[in-house]
Amino acid sequence: MMKIGVDTESLHLWFQNGRIDIFGFIDLVYEVGFDGVMINLLTKKNQTEGLGALGKDNPGHIREVAKYLQERGMFVELATKGTDVAHIRKVLDVASILGAKTVRTYIAYPGGTANQMKNGAFDRDFFFGQATALRKLVPLLEEYKIDLAVENHELETCGEMLTLLRAVGSRRVGALFDSGNPMMAWEEPVQAVHKILPYIKSTHIKDQVVCLYQNEPVICGMPL
């Protein structure tokens, strides 16, 4: 049975400007009638407590959130970035307390850039080299019994994602398919999803259009 949740990124400006916290977000998602939440742990503006939209970085607070979700019968997934073993272990500790079965990450290039960039271009050597880093995470994922879903994050095509995941070769490491991000790599989304379908563990559903800005085609987000 398909379950549909809402990502905290949908209200990221509310979180960053103190209009909502994780409990208010869960209430809103529950009242609208969705099945669960995806919580982004990445630090953003005004989020100084250590775990992004989740809030305080302490076990007591995390257990309170877990109880809040359980009382409402809601699932939870977590989102982070990178493949550093110590960092992923920390995220898996949080996921274990919350009862999350899936953690999302993406391959982030060293130096803090959002994607696998080198001199303004997609660094394929670095991207495919991350298969080694992902394989090192497999024993950890087996220990926690949690899946890692690697997102197609704007620059890599799903064909390149498929090559990466095959190189990892673990049932614990799959894909988070973002339906809008293939367009960023000039890839047709429906064709993209069929390439990577057997590896998908979770999805981000969003809508985008191609429009012209100063005679150059650009991708713009829009309401579903």
N, C-alpha and C. Protein backbone atom coordinates (compact mmCIF):
# COMPACT_ATOMS: atom_id res chain seq x y z
N MET A 1 0.84 -1.19 0.00
CA MET A 1 0.00 0.00 0.00
C MET A 1 0.89 1.25 0.00
N MET A 2 0.61 2.16 -0.91
CA MET A 2 1.38 3.41 -0.98
C MET A 2 0.99 4.34 0.17
N LYS A 3 2.01 4.90 0.83
CA LYS A 3 1.78 5.90 1.86
C LYS A 3 2.34 7.23 1.39
N ILE A 4 1.60 8.30 1.65
CA ILE A 4 2.02 9.63 1.20
C ILE A 4 2.27 10.52 2.41
N GLY A 5 3.45 11.12 2.44
CA GLY A 5 3.80 12.03 3.53
C GLY A 5 4.12 13.41 3.00
N VAL A 6 4.47 14.30 3.91
CA VAL A 6 4.84 15.67 3.55
C VAL A 6 6.23 15.95 4.12
N ASP A 7 7.09 16.54 3.29
CA ASP A 7 8.45 16.86 3.69
C ASP A 7 8.47 18.22 4.39
N THR A 8 9.30 18.33 5.43
CA THR A 8 9.43 19.62 6.10
C THR A 8 9.90 20.72 5.15
N GLU A 9 10.56 20.34 4.06
CA GLU A 9 10.98 21.33 3.07
C GLU A 9 9.80 22.05 2.44
N SER A 10 8.62 21.43 2.48
CA SER A 10 7.42 22.08 1.95
C SER A 10 7.10 23.36 2.71
N LEU A 11 7.52 23.42 3.97
CA LEU A 11 7.29 24.62 4.80
C LEU A 11 8.62 25.12 5.38
N HIS A 12 9.69 25.02 4.60
CA HIS A 12 11.00 25.35 5.15
C HIS A 12 11.10 26.81 5.60
N LEU A 13 10.40 27.72 4.92
CA LEU A 13 10.44 29.12 5.35
C LEU A 13 9.69 29.33 6.66
N TRP A 14 8.64 28.54 6.89
CA TRP A 14 7.94 28.60 8.18
C TRP A 14 8.88 28.17 9.31
N PHE A 15 9.59 27.06 9.10
CA PHE A 15 10.54 26.59 10.11
C PHE A 15 11.62 27.64 10.36
N GLN A 16 12.16 28.20 9.29
CA GLN A 16 13.29 29.13 9.42
C GLN A 16 12.90 30.45 10.05
N ASN A 17 11.61 30.78 10.03
CA ASN A 17 11.17 32.05 10.59
C ASN A 17 10.29 31.88 11.83
N GLY A 18 10.37 30.70 12.43
CA GLY A 18 9.71 30.47 13.72
C GLY A 18 8.20 30.40 13.67
N ARG A 19 7.63 30.16 12.50
CA ARG A 19 6.17 30.08 12.40
C ARG A 19 5.63 28.69 12.75
N ILE A 20 6.52 27.70 12.78
CA ILE A 20 6.07 26.34 13.07
C ILE A 20 7.26 25.56 13.62
N ASP A 21 6.98 24.56 14.48
CA ASP A 21 8.03 23.64 14.92
C ASP A 21 7.61 22.23 14.50
N ILE A 22 8.39 21.22 14.88
CA ILE A 22 8.12 19.89 14.38
C ILE A 22 6.77 19.35 14.87
N PHE A 23 6.36 19.72 16.08
CA PHE A 23 5.07 19.24 16.58
C PHE A 23 3.91 19.90 15.82
N GLY A 24 4.04 21.19 15.55
CA GLY A 24 3.01 21.87 14.77
C GLY A 24 2.94 21.32 13.35
N PHE A 25 4.11 20.98 12.80
CA PHE A 25 4.14 20.41 11.46
C PHE A 25 3.45 19.05 11.42
N ILE A 26 3.74 18.21 12.39
CA ILE A 26 3.08 16.90 12.45
C ILE A 26 1.58 17.07 12.58
N ASP A 27 1.13 18.00 13.44
CA ASP A 27 -0.30 18.26 13.59
C ASP A 27 -0.93 18.65 12.26
N LEU A 28 -0.29 19.57 11.55
CA LEU A 28 -0.82 20.05 10.28
C LEU A 28 -0.93 18.92 9.27
N VAL A 29 0.12 18.13 9.14
CA VAL A 29 0.12 17.01 8.18
C VAL A 29 -0.94 15.98 8.54
N TYR A 30 -1.08 15.71 9.83
CA TYR A 30 -2.09 14.75 10.30
C TYR A 30 -3.50 15.25 10.04
N GLU A 31 -3.74 16.52 10.33
CA GLU A 31 -5.08 17.09 10.14
C GLU A 31 -5.49 17.12 8.68
N VAL A 32 -4.53 17.34 7.79
CA VAL A 32 -4.83 17.34 6.35
C VAL A 32 -5.13 15.93 5.86
N GLY A 33 -4.59 14.92 6.55
CA GLY A 33 -4.93 13.54 6.21
C GLY A 33 -3.83 12.73 5.55
N PHE A 34 -2.58 13.20 5.65
CA PHE A 34 -1.47 12.44 5.08
C PHE A 34 -1.01 11.37 6.07
N ASP A 35 -0.15 10.47 5.56
CA ASP A 35 0.23 9.29 6.34
C ASP A 35 1.50 9.45 7.17
N GLY A 36 2.32 10.45 6.85
CA GLY A 36 3.56 10.57 7.58
C GLY A 36 4.32 11.83 7.23
N VAL A 37 5.55 11.92 7.75
CA VAL A 37 6.37 13.11 7.53
C VAL A 37 7.79 12.70 7.13
N MET A 38 8.42 13.54 6.31
CA MET A 38 9.84 13.44 6.01
C MET A 38 10.51 14.65 6.65
N ILE A 39 11.47 14.40 7.54
CA ILE A 39 12.06 15.48 8.32
C ILE A 39 13.48 15.73 7.84
N ASN A 40 13.75 16.96 7.42
CA ASN A 40 15.09 17.34 6.96
C ASN A 40 15.95 17.75 8.16
N LEU A 41 17.06 17.05 8.35
CA LEU A 41 17.94 17.30 9.49
C LEU A 41 19.01 18.34 9.19
N LEU A 42 19.06 18.85 7.96
CA LEU A 42 20.10 19.80 7.59
C LEU A 42 19.84 21.16 8.22
N THR A 43 20.87 21.77 8.75
CA THR A 43 20.75 23.07 9.41
C THR A 43 20.47 24.16 8.39
N LYS A 44 19.50 25.00 8.69
CA LYS A 44 19.17 26.13 7.83
C LYS A 44 19.07 27.39 8.68
N LYS A 45 18.72 28.49 8.07
CA LYS A 45 18.63 29.76 8.77
C LYS A 45 17.78 29.64 10.04
N ASN A 46 18.31 30.16 11.14
CA ASN A 46 17.61 30.21 12.43
C ASN A 46 17.34 28.84 13.04
N GLN A 47 17.87 27.77 12.45
CA GLN A 47 17.71 26.44 13.04
C GLN A 47 19.01 26.09 13.73
N THR A 48 19.09 26.41 15.02
CA THR A 48 20.36 26.34 15.75
C THR A 48 20.40 25.22 16.78
N GLU A 49 19.37 24.38 16.83
CA GLU A 49 19.29 23.38 17.88
C GLU A 49 19.98 22.06 17.51
N GLY A 50 20.44 21.94 16.28
CA GLY A 50 21.29 20.81 15.95
C GLY A 50 20.76 19.79 14.98
N LEU A 51 19.45 19.70 14.81
CA LEU A 51 18.89 18.68 13.93
C LEU A 51 17.90 19.28 12.94
N GLY A 52 18.21 20.44 12.42
CA GLY A 52 17.38 21.04 11.38
C GLY A 52 15.94 21.20 11.82
N ALA A 53 15.01 20.75 10.98
CA ALA A 53 13.60 20.89 11.27
C ALA A 53 13.13 20.03 12.45
N LEU A 54 13.91 19.00 12.79
CA LEU A 54 13.54 18.17 13.94
C LEU A 54 13.68 18.92 15.26
N GLY A 55 14.65 19.83 15.33
CA GLY A 55 14.81 20.64 16.53
C GLY A 55 15.94 20.16 17.41
N LYS A 56 15.70 20.06 18.71
CA LYS A 56 16.75 19.80 19.70
C LYS A 56 17.47 18.48 19.46
N ASP A 57 18.78 18.54 19.58
CA ASP A 57 19.61 17.36 19.41
C ASP A 57 19.84 16.69 20.76
N ASN A 58 18.75 16.11 21.30
CA ASN A 58 18.92 15.31 22.51
C ASN A 58 17.89 14.18 22.51
N PRO A 59 18.24 13.03 23.09
CA PRO A 59 17.37 11.85 23.02
C PRO A 59 15.97 12.07 23.59
N GLY A 60 15.87 12.89 24.66
CA GLY A 60 14.56 13.14 25.25
C GLY A 60 13.61 13.80 24.27
N HIS A 61 14.09 14.82 23.58
CA HIS A 61 13.26 15.50 22.58
C HIS A 61 12.91 14.56 21.43
N ILE A 62 13.88 13.80 20.98
CA ILE A 62 13.62 12.87 19.86
C ILE A 62 12.58 11.83 20.26
N ARG A 63 12.64 11.34 21.50
CA ARG A 63 11.64 10.38 21.96
C ARG A 63 10.25 11.02 22.04
N GLU A 64 10.18 12.29 22.42
CA GLU A 64 8.89 12.99 22.43
C GLU A 64 8.29 13.04 21.02
N VAL A 65 9.12 13.34 20.03
CA VAL A 65 8.64 13.38 18.65
C VAL A 65 8.20 11.99 18.21
N ALA A 66 8.97 10.96 18.58
CA ALA A 66 8.61 9.59 18.23
C ALA A 66 7.24 9.22 18.80
N LYS A 67 7.01 9.57 20.07
CA LYS A 67 5.72 9.28 20.71
C LYS A 67 4.60 10.02 20.00
N TYR A 68 4.84 11.28 19.64
CA TYR A 68 3.84 12.11 18.96
C TYR A 68 3.42 11.46 17.65
N LEU A 69 4.40 10.95 16.92
CA LEU A 69 4.10 10.27 15.65
C LEU A 69 3.37 8.95 15.88
N GLN A 70 3.82 8.18 16.85
CA GLN A 70 3.20 6.88 17.12
C GLN A 70 1.74 7.03 17.54
N GLU A 71 1.45 8.04 18.34
CA GLU A 71 0.07 8.27 18.79
C GLU A 71 -0.86 8.56 17.62
N ARG A 72 -0.30 9.08 16.54
CA ARG A 72 -1.09 9.42 15.35
C ARG A 72 -0.95 8.38 14.24
N GLY A 73 -0.20 7.33 14.51
CA GLY A 73 -0.04 6.25 13.53
C GLY A 73 0.67 6.69 12.26
N MET A 74 1.63 7.60 12.38
CA MET A 74 2.28 8.17 11.21
C MET A 74 3.69 7.61 11.03
N PHE A 75 4.08 7.43 9.77
CA PHE A 75 5.45 7.01 9.49
C PHE A 75 6.36 8.23 9.44
N VAL A 76 7.68 7.97 9.49
CA VAL A 76 8.64 9.05 9.43
C VAL A 76 9.85 8.60 8.62
N GLU A 77 10.37 9.50 7.80
CA GLU A 77 11.64 9.31 7.13
C GLU A 77 12.51 10.53 7.44
N LEU A 78 13.83 10.35 7.36
CA LEU A 78 14.76 11.44 7.65
C LEU A 78 15.58 11.78 6.42
N ALA A 79 16.07 13.02 6.37
CA ALA A 79 16.86 13.48 5.23
C ALA A 79 18.14 14.15 5.72
N THR A 80 19.25 13.77 5.08
CA THR A 80 20.53 14.41 5.36
C THR A 80 21.29 14.48 4.05
N LYS A 81 22.62 14.67 4.11
CA LYS A 81 23.44 14.67 2.89
C LYS A 81 24.79 14.03 3.18
N GLY A 82 25.46 13.59 2.14
CA GLY A 82 26.79 13.05 2.27
C GLY A 82 26.84 11.58 2.62
N THR A 83 28.09 11.07 2.70
CA THR A 83 28.30 9.63 2.93
C THR A 83 29.31 9.37 4.06
N ASP A 84 29.63 10.39 4.84
CA ASP A 84 30.57 10.22 5.94
C ASP A 84 30.03 9.22 6.96
N VAL A 85 30.85 8.25 7.31
CA VAL A 85 30.39 7.16 8.17
C VAL A 85 29.94 7.67 9.54
N ALA A 86 30.72 8.53 10.18
CA ALA A 86 30.35 9.03 11.51
C ALA A 86 29.06 9.82 11.46
N HIS A 87 28.90 10.63 10.42
CA HIS A 87 27.68 11.43 10.29
C HIS A 87 26.47 10.53 10.06
N ILE A 88 26.60 9.57 9.17
CA ILE A 88 25.46 8.68 8.89
C ILE A 88 25.11 7.86 10.12
N ARG A 89 26.11 7.45 10.90
CA ARG A 89 25.81 6.73 12.14
C ARG A 89 24.98 7.60 13.09
N LYS A 90 25.32 8.88 13.21
CA LYS A 90 24.55 9.80 14.05
C LYS A 90 23.11 9.88 13.56
N VAL A 91 22.92 10.00 12.25
CA VAL A 91 21.58 10.08 11.68
C VAL A 91 20.82 8.78 11.92
N LEU A 92 21.50 7.65 11.81
CA LEU A 92 20.85 6.36 12.05
C LEU A 92 20.45 6.21 13.51
N ASP A 93 21.24 6.78 14.44
CA ASP A 93 20.84 6.78 15.85
C ASP A 93 19.50 7.51 16.03
N VAL A 94 19.39 8.68 15.38
CA VAL A 94 18.15 9.45 15.46
C VAL A 94 17.01 8.68 14.80
N ALA A 95 17.28 8.10 13.64
CA ALA A 95 16.25 7.34 12.92
C ALA A 95 15.76 6.17 13.75
N SER A 96 16.68 5.52 14.46
CA SER A 96 16.31 4.37 15.28
C SER A 96 15.36 4.76 16.41
N ILE A 97 15.63 5.90 17.06
CA ILE A 97 14.74 6.37 18.12
C ILE A 97 13.36 6.73 17.57
N LEU A 98 13.34 7.35 16.40
CA LEU A 98 12.07 7.79 15.81
C LEU A 98 11.28 6.64 15.18
N GLY A 99 11.96 5.55 14.87
CA GLY A 99 11.30 4.44 14.19
C GLY A 99 11.30 4.57 12.68
N ALA A 100 12.20 5.39 12.15
CA ALA A 100 12.29 5.56 10.69
C ALA A 100 12.94 4.34 10.07
N LYS A 101 12.43 3.89 8.94
CA LYS A 101 12.97 2.75 8.23
C LYS A 101 13.81 3.17 7.02
N THR A 102 13.74 4.45 6.66
CA THR A 102 14.47 4.95 5.50
C THR A 102 15.09 6.30 5.82
N VAL A 103 16.35 6.48 5.42
CA VAL A 103 17.04 7.75 5.52
C VAL A 103 17.45 8.18 4.12
N ARG A 104 17.19 9.43 3.79
CA ARG A 104 17.59 9.96 2.47
C ARG A 104 18.90 10.72 2.59
N THR A 105 19.76 10.53 1.59
CA THR A 105 20.95 11.35 1.48
C THR A 105 21.17 11.70 0.02
N TYR A 106 22.15 12.54 -0.24
CA TYR A 106 22.60 12.75 -1.62
C TYR A 106 24.11 12.92 -1.60
N ILE A 107 24.71 12.73 -2.76
CA ILE A 107 26.16 12.81 -2.87
C ILE A 107 26.56 14.27 -2.94
N ALA A 108 27.22 14.75 -1.89
CA ALA A 108 27.60 16.16 -1.80
C ALA A 108 29.09 16.31 -2.02
N TYR A 109 29.46 17.24 -2.90
CA TYR A 109 30.87 17.46 -3.21
C TYR A 109 31.56 18.18 -2.07
N PRO A 110 32.80 17.81 -1.70
CA PRO A 110 33.52 18.50 -0.61
C PRO A 110 33.62 20.00 -0.85
N GLY A 111 33.52 20.75 0.22
CA GLY A 111 33.60 22.20 0.11
C GLY A 111 32.28 22.88 0.30
N GLY A 112 31.22 22.07 0.52
CA GLY A 112 29.93 22.64 0.87
C GLY A 112 29.00 22.95 -0.29
N THR A 113 29.42 22.68 -1.53
CA THR A 113 28.51 22.92 -2.64
C THR A 113 27.37 21.92 -2.60
N ALA A 114 26.25 22.31 -3.18
CA ALA A 114 25.04 21.50 -3.07
C ALA A 114 25.16 20.17 -3.80
N ASN A 115 25.93 20.14 -4.85
CA ASN A 115 26.00 18.94 -5.68
C ASN A 115 27.45 18.56 -5.96
N GLN A 116 27.62 17.65 -6.89
CA GLN A 116 28.95 17.13 -7.22
C GLN A 116 29.60 18.06 -8.24
N MET A 117 29.98 19.26 -7.79
CA MET A 117 30.49 20.29 -8.70
C MET A 117 32.00 20.38 -8.64
N LYS A 118 32.61 20.60 -9.79
CA LYS A 118 34.03 20.90 -9.88
C LYS A 118 34.21 21.89 -11.00
N ASN A 119 34.68 23.09 -10.64
CA ASN A 119 34.83 24.16 -11.63
C ASN A 119 33.52 24.44 -12.36
N GLY A 120 32.41 24.36 -11.62
CA GLY A 120 31.11 24.69 -12.20
C GLY A 120 30.48 23.59 -13.01
N ALA A 121 31.06 22.38 -13.02
CA ALA A 121 30.52 21.28 -13.82
C ALA A 121 30.37 20.04 -12.94
N PHE A 122 29.53 19.12 -13.38
CA PHE A 122 29.30 17.87 -12.68
C PHE A 122 30.59 17.04 -12.69
N ASP A 123 31.04 16.64 -11.50
CA ASP A 123 32.27 15.87 -11.37
C ASP A 123 31.94 14.38 -11.36
N ARG A 124 31.95 13.76 -12.53
CA ARG A 124 31.57 12.35 -12.65
C ARG A 124 32.52 11.42 -11.93
N ASP A 125 33.81 11.73 -11.95
CA ASP A 125 34.78 10.87 -11.27
C ASP A 125 34.49 10.82 -9.77
N PHE A 126 34.22 11.98 -9.19
CA PHE A 126 33.89 12.01 -7.77
C PHE A 126 32.58 11.27 -7.51
N PHE A 127 31.59 11.52 -8.34
CA PHE A 127 30.27 10.90 -8.15
C PHE A 127 30.38 9.38 -8.16
N PHE A 128 30.98 8.81 -9.19
CA PHE A 128 31.06 7.35 -9.28
C PHE A 128 32.01 6.78 -8.23
N GLY A 129 33.00 7.57 -7.80
CA GLY A 129 33.89 7.14 -6.73
C GLY A 129 33.18 6.97 -5.40
N GLN A 130 31.99 7.57 -5.26
CA GLN A 130 31.23 7.46 -4.02
C GLN A 130 30.64 6.07 -3.82
N ALA A 131 30.72 5.21 -4.81
CA ALA A 131 30.30 3.81 -4.62
C ALA A 131 31.10 3.17 -3.49
N THR A 132 32.38 3.49 -3.41
CA THR A 132 33.23 2.96 -2.34
C THR A 132 32.75 3.44 -0.97
N ALA A 133 32.43 4.74 -0.86
CA ALA A 133 31.94 5.29 0.40
C ALA A 133 30.61 4.66 0.80
N LEU A 134 29.75 4.45 -0.17
CA LEU A 134 28.44 3.85 0.12
C LEU A 134 28.57 2.40 0.55
N ARG A 135 29.50 1.67 -0.05
CA ARG A 135 29.71 0.28 0.36
C ARG A 135 30.17 0.20 1.82
N LYS A 136 30.96 1.19 2.27
CA LYS A 136 31.40 1.20 3.66
C LYS A 136 30.25 1.40 4.63
N LEU A 137 29.14 1.96 4.15
CA LEU A 137 27.98 2.19 5.01
C LEU A 137 27.09 0.95 5.15
N VAL A 138 27.26 -0.01 4.28
CA VAL A 138 26.35 -1.17 4.26
C VAL A 138 26.33 -1.92 5.59
N PRO A 139 27.48 -2.26 6.22
CA PRO A 139 27.41 -2.95 7.51
C PRO A 139 26.65 -2.15 8.57
N LEU A 140 26.80 -0.83 8.53
CA LEU A 140 26.09 0.04 9.47
C LEU A 140 24.58 -0.03 9.22
N LEU A 141 24.18 0.02 7.97
CA LEU A 141 22.77 -0.05 7.62
C LEU A 141 22.18 -1.40 8.03
N GLU A 142 22.95 -2.46 7.85
CA GLU A 142 22.48 -3.80 8.27
C GLU A 142 22.34 -3.86 9.79
N GLU A 143 23.28 -3.24 10.49
CA GLU A 143 23.23 -3.22 11.96
C GLU A 143 21.95 -2.54 12.45
N TYR A 144 21.59 -1.42 11.84
CA TYR A 144 20.41 -0.67 12.27
C TYR A 144 19.12 -1.14 11.60
N LYS A 145 19.26 -1.97 10.57
CA LYS A 145 18.10 -2.43 9.78
C LYS A 145 17.32 -1.25 9.20
N ILE A 146 18.07 -0.31 8.64
CA ILE A 146 17.51 0.90 8.03
C ILE A 146 18.07 1.03 6.63
N ASP A 147 17.22 1.42 5.67
CA ASP A 147 17.63 1.59 4.28
C ASP A 147 18.12 3.02 4.03
N LEU A 148 19.08 3.13 3.13
CA LEU A 148 19.59 4.43 2.69
C LEU A 148 19.12 4.67 1.25
N ALA A 149 18.42 5.78 1.05
CA ALA A 149 17.91 6.13 -0.27
C ALA A 149 18.70 7.33 -0.80
N VAL A 150 19.46 7.13 -1.88
CA VAL A 150 20.30 8.19 -2.44
C VAL A 150 19.48 8.95 -3.49
N GLU A 151 19.38 10.25 -3.31
CA GLU A 151 18.54 11.07 -4.19
C GLU A 151 19.25 11.45 -5.49
N ASN A 152 18.51 11.43 -6.60
CA ASN A 152 18.99 12.06 -7.83
C ASN A 152 18.88 13.57 -7.60
N HIS A 153 20.03 14.22 -7.41
CA HIS A 153 20.01 15.57 -6.85
C HIS A 153 20.47 16.62 -7.86
N GLU A 154 19.75 16.72 -8.96
CA GLU A 154 19.80 17.84 -9.92
C GLU A 154 20.85 17.73 -11.01
N LEU A 155 22.03 17.20 -10.73
CA LEU A 155 23.06 17.17 -11.78
C LEU A 155 23.21 15.80 -12.42
N GLU A 156 23.14 14.75 -11.61
CA GLU A 156 23.30 13.40 -12.15
C GLU A 156 21.99 12.91 -12.79
N THR A 157 22.11 12.18 -13.89
CA THR A 157 20.94 11.57 -14.50
C THR A 157 20.60 10.29 -13.75
N CYS A 158 19.42 9.77 -13.99
CA CYS A 158 19.05 8.51 -13.35
C CYS A 158 19.83 7.34 -13.97
N GLY A 159 20.29 7.49 -15.20
CA GLY A 159 21.18 6.49 -15.76
C GLY A 159 22.48 6.42 -14.98
N GLU A 160 23.01 7.59 -14.59
CA GLU A 160 24.23 7.63 -13.77
C GLU A 160 23.96 7.12 -12.36
N MET A 161 22.78 7.43 -11.81
CA MET A 161 22.39 6.88 -10.52
C MET A 161 22.34 5.36 -10.57
N LEU A 162 21.80 4.82 -11.64
CA LEU A 162 21.69 3.38 -11.80
C LEU A 162 23.08 2.73 -11.78
N THR A 163 24.03 3.33 -12.49
CA THR A 163 25.41 2.82 -12.50
C THR A 163 26.00 2.83 -11.10
N LEU A 164 25.77 3.91 -10.35
CA LEU A 164 26.29 4.02 -8.99
C LEU A 164 25.70 2.95 -8.09
N LEU A 165 24.40 2.77 -8.12
CA LEU A 165 23.74 1.82 -7.22
C LEU A 165 24.11 0.39 -7.56
N ARG A 166 24.27 0.08 -8.83
CA ARG A 166 24.72 -1.26 -9.22
C ARG A 166 26.14 -1.52 -8.70
N ALA A 167 26.97 -0.48 -8.70
CA ALA A 167 28.34 -0.64 -8.21
C ALA A 167 28.35 -0.89 -6.70
N VAL A 168 27.39 -0.32 -5.98
CA VAL A 168 27.29 -0.55 -4.53
C VAL A 168 26.82 -1.98 -4.27
N GLY A 169 25.78 -2.39 -4.97
CA GLY A 169 25.33 -3.78 -4.93
C GLY A 169 24.78 -4.24 -3.60
N SER A 170 24.02 -3.39 -2.90
CA SER A 170 23.43 -3.78 -1.62
C SER A 170 21.94 -3.52 -1.62
N ARG A 171 21.19 -4.43 -1.02
CA ARG A 171 19.74 -4.25 -0.90
C ARG A 171 19.41 -3.09 0.04
N ARG A 172 20.38 -2.69 0.87
CA ARG A 172 20.14 -1.62 1.83
C ARG A 172 20.33 -0.23 1.22
N VAL A 173 20.96 -0.14 0.05
CA VAL A 173 21.22 1.15 -0.59
C VAL A 173 20.44 1.23 -1.89
N GLY A 174 19.47 2.13 -1.94
CA GLY A 174 18.65 2.30 -3.12
C GLY A 174 18.55 3.76 -3.51
N ALA A 175 17.45 4.12 -4.12
CA ALA A 175 17.28 5.47 -4.65
C ALA A 175 16.10 6.16 -4.00
N LEU A 176 16.25 7.47 -3.81
CA LEU A 176 15.10 8.33 -3.61
C LEU A 176 14.90 9.05 -4.93
N PHE A 177 13.80 8.77 -5.61
CA PHE A 177 13.54 9.39 -6.91
C PHE A 177 12.80 10.69 -6.72
N ASP A 178 13.42 11.79 -7.14
CA ASP A 178 12.78 13.10 -7.15
C ASP A 178 12.25 13.35 -8.55
N SER A 179 10.95 13.53 -8.66
CA SER A 179 10.32 13.61 -9.99
C SER A 179 10.64 14.90 -10.73
N GLY A 180 11.12 15.93 -10.00
CA GLY A 180 11.47 17.18 -10.66
C GLY A 180 12.94 17.27 -11.04
N ASN A 181 13.81 16.63 -10.27
CA ASN A 181 15.24 16.79 -10.48
C ASN A 181 15.78 16.27 -11.81
N PRO A 182 15.19 15.25 -12.44
CA PRO A 182 15.71 14.87 -13.76
C PRO A 182 15.72 16.04 -14.75
N MET A 183 14.76 16.94 -14.61
CA MET A 183 14.70 18.07 -15.53
C MET A 183 15.93 18.96 -15.39
N MET A 184 16.50 19.02 -14.19
CA MET A 184 17.70 19.83 -13.97
C MET A 184 18.88 19.28 -14.76
N ALA A 185 18.85 17.96 -15.03
CA ALA A 185 19.90 17.33 -15.83
C ALA A 185 19.44 17.11 -17.27
N TRP A 186 18.36 17.81 -17.66
CA TRP A 186 17.79 17.69 -19.02
C TRP A 186 17.44 16.25 -19.35
N GLU A 187 16.78 15.61 -18.38
CA GLU A 187 16.35 14.23 -18.54
C GLU A 187 14.83 14.19 -18.40
N GLU A 188 14.16 13.48 -19.27
CA GLU A 188 12.70 13.39 -19.23
C GLU A 188 12.27 12.57 -18.02
N PRO A 189 11.45 13.12 -17.11
CA PRO A 189 11.16 12.44 -15.84
C PRO A 189 10.55 11.05 -15.98
N VAL A 190 9.64 10.84 -16.92
CA VAL A 190 9.01 9.53 -17.04
C VAL A 190 10.02 8.49 -17.50
N GLN A 191 10.88 8.86 -18.45
CA GLN A 191 11.94 7.95 -18.87
C GLN A 191 12.90 7.68 -17.72
N ALA A 192 13.19 8.72 -16.95
CA ALA A 192 14.13 8.59 -15.83
C ALA A 192 13.62 7.61 -14.79
N VAL A 193 12.35 7.69 -14.43
CA VAL A 193 11.83 6.83 -13.37
C VAL A 193 11.84 5.37 -13.80
N HIS A 194 11.63 5.10 -15.07
CA HIS A 194 11.66 3.71 -15.53
C HIS A 194 13.07 3.14 -15.46
N LYS A 195 14.08 3.97 -15.65
CA LYS A 195 15.46 3.49 -15.56
C LYS A 195 15.78 2.99 -14.16
N ILE A 196 15.29 3.71 -13.16
CA ILE A 196 15.73 3.48 -11.79
C ILE A 196 14.68 2.78 -10.92
N LEU A 197 13.56 2.45 -11.52
CA LEU A 197 12.40 1.93 -10.79
C LEU A 197 12.73 0.78 -9.83
N PRO A 198 13.51 -0.23 -10.23
CA PRO A 198 13.75 -1.36 -9.30
C PRO A 198 14.50 -0.97 -8.04
N TYR A 199 15.15 0.19 -8.05
CA TYR A 199 15.96 0.59 -6.91
C TYR A 199 15.27 1.62 -6.00
N ILE A 200 14.08 2.07 -6.37
CA ILE A 200 13.44 3.15 -5.62
C ILE A 200 12.93 2.68 -4.26
N LYS A 201 13.32 3.42 -3.22
CA LYS A 201 12.85 3.15 -1.86
C LYS A 201 11.91 4.23 -1.36
N SER A 202 11.97 5.41 -1.96
CA SER A 202 11.10 6.52 -1.58
C SER A 202 11.12 7.54 -2.72
N THR A 203 10.23 8.51 -2.64
CA THR A 203 10.14 9.50 -3.72
C THR A 203 9.90 10.89 -3.15
N HIS A 204 10.28 11.89 -3.93
CA HIS A 204 9.85 13.27 -3.73
C HIS A 204 9.00 13.63 -4.95
N ILE A 205 7.79 14.04 -4.73
CA ILE A 205 6.90 14.40 -5.83
C ILE A 205 6.80 15.92 -5.90
N LYS A 206 7.20 16.48 -7.02
CA LYS A 206 7.06 17.91 -7.22
C LYS A 206 6.90 18.19 -8.70
N ASP A 207 6.53 19.42 -9.03
CA ASP A 207 6.28 19.78 -10.43
C ASP A 207 7.15 20.97 -10.81
N GLN A 208 7.65 20.94 -12.04
CA GLN A 208 8.50 22.02 -12.54
C GLN A 208 8.18 22.24 -14.02
N VAL A 209 8.55 23.40 -14.50
CA VAL A 209 8.35 23.73 -15.91
C VAL A 209 9.65 24.33 -16.46
N VAL A 210 9.79 24.26 -17.77
CA VAL A 210 10.89 24.93 -18.45
C VAL A 210 10.39 26.28 -18.94
N CYS A 211 11.09 27.34 -18.61
CA CYS A 211 10.72 28.67 -19.09
C CYS A 211 11.99 29.39 -19.54
N LEU A 212 11.81 30.49 -20.21
CA LEU A 212 12.95 31.24 -20.73
C LEU A 212 13.26 32.44 -19.84
N TYR A 213 14.55 32.63 -19.54
CA TYR A 213 15.02 33.81 -18.83
C TYR A 213 16.19 34.37 -19.62
N GLN A 214 16.02 35.56 -20.14
CA GLN A 214 17.03 36.19 -21.00
C GLN A 214 17.45 35.24 -22.12
N ASN A 215 16.42 34.62 -22.72
CA ASN A 215 16.58 33.71 -23.85
C ASN A 215 17.30 32.41 -23.51
N GLU A 216 17.47 32.13 -22.22
CA GLU A 216 18.07 30.87 -21.80
C GLU A 216 17.00 30.02 -21.10
N PRO A 217 16.92 28.72 -21.42
CA PRO A 217 15.94 27.87 -20.74
C PRO A 217 16.37 27.59 -19.30
N VAL A 218 15.45 27.77 -18.37
CA VAL A 218 15.71 27.49 -16.97
C VAL A 218 14.55 26.66 -16.41
N ILE A 219 14.82 25.94 -15.32
CA ILE A 219 13.81 25.12 -14.68
C ILE A 219 13.23 25.90 -13.50
N CYS A 220 11.91 25.98 -13.44
CA CYS A 220 11.23 26.71 -12.37
C CYS A 220 10.25 25.78 -11.64
N GLY A 221 10.27 25.83 -10.33
CA GLY A 221 9.29 25.08 -9.56
C GLY A 221 7.92 25.72 -9.65
N MET A 222 6.90 24.92 -9.45
CA MET A 222 5.52 25.40 -9.50
C MET A 222 4.65 24.51 -8.63
N PRO A 223 3.44 24.98 -8.26
CA PRO A 223 2.54 24.14 -7.47
C PRO A 223 2.18 22.88 -8.24
N LEU A 224 1.98 21.77 -7.50
CA LEU A 224 1.56 20.53 -8.15
C LEU A 224 0.26 20.73 -8.90
